[in-house]
C-alpha atoms as a PDB file:
ATOM      1  CA  UNK A   1      93.092  96.000 152.104  1.00  0.00           C
ATOM      2  CA  UNK A   2      91.012  92.808 152.156  1.00  0.00           C
ATOM      3  CA  UNK A   3      88.584  91.966 149.356  1.00  0.00           C
ATOM      4  CA  UNK A   4      86.128  89.119 148.744  1.00  0.00           C
ATOM      5  CA  UNK A   5      87.656  86.281 146.764  1.00  0.00           C
ATOM      6  CA  UNK A   6      87.024  86.889 143.032  1.00  0.00           C
ATOM      7  CA  UNK A   7      87.939  83.258 142.266  1.00  0.00           C
ATOM      8  CA  UNK A   8      85.658  81.165 144.465  1.00  0.00           C
ATOM      9  CA  UNK A   9      83.759  83.586 146.739  1.00  0.00           C
ATOM     10  CA  UNK A  10      84.870  81.419 149.676  1.00  0.00           C
ATOM     11  CA  UNK A  11      83.229  78.246 148.330  1.00  0.00           C
ATOM     12  CA  UNK A  12      86.439  76.259 147.653  1.00  0.00           C
ATOM     13  CA  UNK A  13      88.586  75.214 150.620  1.00  0.00           C
ATOM     14  CA  UNK A  14      91.395  74.489 148.170  1.00  0.00           C
ATOM     15  CA  UNK A  15      91.267  77.886 146.466  1.00  0.00           C
ATOM     16  CA  UNK A  16      94.810  79.223 145.879  1.00  0.00           C
ATOM     17  CA  UNK A  17      93.670  82.796 146.488  1.00  0.00           C
ATOM     18  CA  UNK A  18      91.674  82.503 149.763  1.00  0.00           C
ATOM     19  CA  UNK A  19      91.764  78.902 150.932  1.00  0.00           C
ATOM     20  CA  UNK A  20      87.976  79.003 151.334  1.00  0.00           C
ATOM     21  CA  UNK A  21      87.949  82.019 153.650  1.00  0.00           C
ATOM     22  CA  UNK A  22      86.558  84.450 151.015  1.00  0.00           C
ATOM     23  CA  UNK A  23      89.257  86.908 152.097  1.00  0.00           C
ATOM     24  CA  UNK A  24      92.061  88.021 149.843  1.00  0.00           C
ATOM     25  CA  UNK A  25      94.549  90.504 151.240  1.00  0.00           C
ATOM     26  CA  UNK A  26      95.928  93.058 148.796  1.00  0.00           C
ATOM     27  CA  UNK A  27      98.986  94.764 150.137  1.00  0.00           C
ATOM     28  CA  UNK A  28      99.533  98.346 149.011  1.00  0.00           C
ATOM     29  CA  UNK A  29      97.451 100.249 146.505  1.00  0.00           C
ATOM     30  CA  UNK A  30      95.243  98.025 144.289  1.00  0.00           C
ATOM     31  CA  UNK A  31      95.801 100.344 141.320  1.00  0.00           C
ATOM     32  CA  UNK A  32      99.399  99.167 141.160  1.00  0.00           C
ATOM     33  CA  UNK A  33      98.142  95.677 140.354  1.00  0.00           C
ATOM     34  CA  UNK A  34      95.900  96.762 137.431  1.00  0.00           C
ATOM     35  CA  UNK A  35      97.593  96.210 134.074  1.00  0.00           C
ATOM     36  CA  UNK A  36      96.963  98.591 131.138  1.00  0.00           C
ATOM     37  CA  UNK A  37      94.957  95.934 129.250  1.00  0.00           C
ATOM     38  CA  UNK A  38      92.688  95.527 132.307  1.00  0.00           C
ATOM     39  CA  UNK A  39      92.137  99.295 132.415  1.00  0.00           C
ATOM     40  CA  UNK A  40      91.194  99.196 128.722  1.00  0.00           C
ATOM     41  CA  UNK A  41      88.678  96.415 129.383  1.00  0.00           C
ATOM     42  CA  UNK A  42      87.162  98.298 132.324  1.00  0.00           C
ATOM     43  CA  UNK A  43      86.938 101.434 130.157  1.00  0.00           C
ATOM     44  CA  UNK A  44      85.180  99.443 127.428  1.00  0.00           C
ATOM     45  CA  UNK A  45      82.659  98.031 129.955  1.00  0.00           C
ATOM     46  CA  UNK A  46      81.962 101.552 131.240  1.00  0.00           C
ATOM     47  CA  UNK A  47      81.432 102.756 127.703  1.00  0.00           C
ATOM     48  CA  UNK A  48      78.896  99.973 127.245  1.00  0.00           C
ATOM     49  CA  UNK A  49      76.800 101.672 129.942  1.00  0.00           C
ATOM     50  CA  UNK A  50      76.557 104.585 127.497  1.00  0.00           C
ATOM     51  CA  UNK A  51      75.666 102.292 124.611  1.00  0.00           C
ATOM     52  CA  UNK A  52      79.104 102.489 122.993  1.00  0.00           C
ATOM     53  CA  UNK A  53      80.520  99.146 121.896  1.00  0.00           C
ATOM     54  CA  UNK A  54      84.286  98.655 121.674  1.00  0.00           C
ATOM     55  CA  UNK A  55      84.098  97.480 118.048  1.00  0.00           C
ATOM     56  CA  UNK A  56      81.847  98.761 115.292  1.00  0.00           C
ATOM     57  CA  UNK A  57      78.611  96.867 114.650  1.00  0.00           C
ATOM     58  CA  UNK A  58      76.394  95.090 117.147  1.00  0.00           C
ATOM     59  CA  UNK A  59      76.929  92.712 120.022  1.00  0.00           C
ATOM     60  CA  UNK A  60      77.686  89.787 117.701  1.00  0.00           C
ATOM     61  CA  UNK A  61      80.501  91.807 116.128  1.00  0.00           C
ATOM     62  CA  UNK A  62      82.379  92.148 119.419  1.00  0.00           C
ATOM     63  CA  UNK A  63      85.399  89.986 120.232  1.00  0.00           C
ATOM     64  CA  UNK A  64      84.723  86.762 122.088  1.00  0.00           C
ATOM     65  CA  UNK A  65      87.172  87.915 124.766  1.00  0.00           C
ATOM     66  CA  UNK A  66      85.211  91.087 125.429  1.00  0.00           C
ATOM     67  CA  UNK A  67      81.862  89.260 125.434  1.00  0.00           C
ATOM     68  CA  UNK A  68      83.241  86.760 128.003  1.00  0.00           C
ATOM     69  CA  UNK A  69      84.811  89.497 130.114  1.00  0.00           C
ATOM     70  CA  UNK A  70      81.815  91.813 130.058  1.00  0.00           C
ATOM     71  CA  UNK A  71      79.794  89.987 132.740  1.00  0.00           C
ATOM     72  CA  UNK A  72      82.819  89.770 135.052  1.00  0.00           C
ATOM     73  CA  UNK A  73      83.656  93.441 134.517  1.00  0.00           C
ATOM     74  CA  UNK A  74      80.106  94.662 135.119  1.00  0.00           C
ATOM     75  CA  UNK A  75      79.879  92.580 138.327  1.00  0.00           C
ATOM     76  CA  UNK A  76      83.197  94.046 139.590  1.00  0.00           C
ATOM     77  CA  UNK A  77      82.181  97.587 138.680  1.00  0.00           C
ATOM     78  CA  UNK A  78      78.850  97.127 140.486  1.00  0.00           C
ATOM     79  CA  UNK A  79      80.597  95.707 143.573  1.00  0.00           C
ATOM     80  CA  UNK A  80      83.039  98.594 143.833  1.00  0.00           C
ATOM     81  CA  UNK A  81      80.250 101.124 143.323  1.00  0.00           C
ATOM     82  CA  UNK A  82      78.435  99.587 146.261  1.00  0.00           C
ATOM     83  CA  UNK A  83      81.617  99.722 148.357  1.00  0.00           C
ATOM     84  CA  UNK A  84      82.094 103.396 147.457  1.00  0.00           C
ATOM     85  CA  UNK A  85      78.436 104.181 148.290  1.00  0.00           C
ATOM     86  CA  UNK A  86      78.764 102.431 151.626  1.00  0.00           C
ATOM     87  CA  UNK A  87      81.905 104.351 152.494  1.00  0.00           C
ATOM     88  CA  UNK A  88      80.275 107.671 151.402  1.00  0.00           C
ATOM     89  CA  UNK A  89      77.363 107.138 153.784  1.00  0.00           C
ATOM     90  CA  UNK A  90      79.704 106.292 156.688  1.00  0.00           C
ATOM     91  CA  UNK A  91      81.681 109.526 156.376  1.00  0.00           C
END
């Protein structure tokens, strides 16, 4: 499987992930590379779509780590939804 570079999007010829090609090869199943803490973060971002925050209170009561990760997570979720939709229309 080849994915777009999540580090530089092909804009850095010295990128350690893609070397500026915007192509990162992932051998085997990508789920084997996802750690439990990443799955928890993804779950929290998906819950946000339903208006459920990971910690009680409002947005300002959330951990700085979650707030920082939220934009990255939602971008990735959106990307993979687009990929799934594209594949669904091609079948």
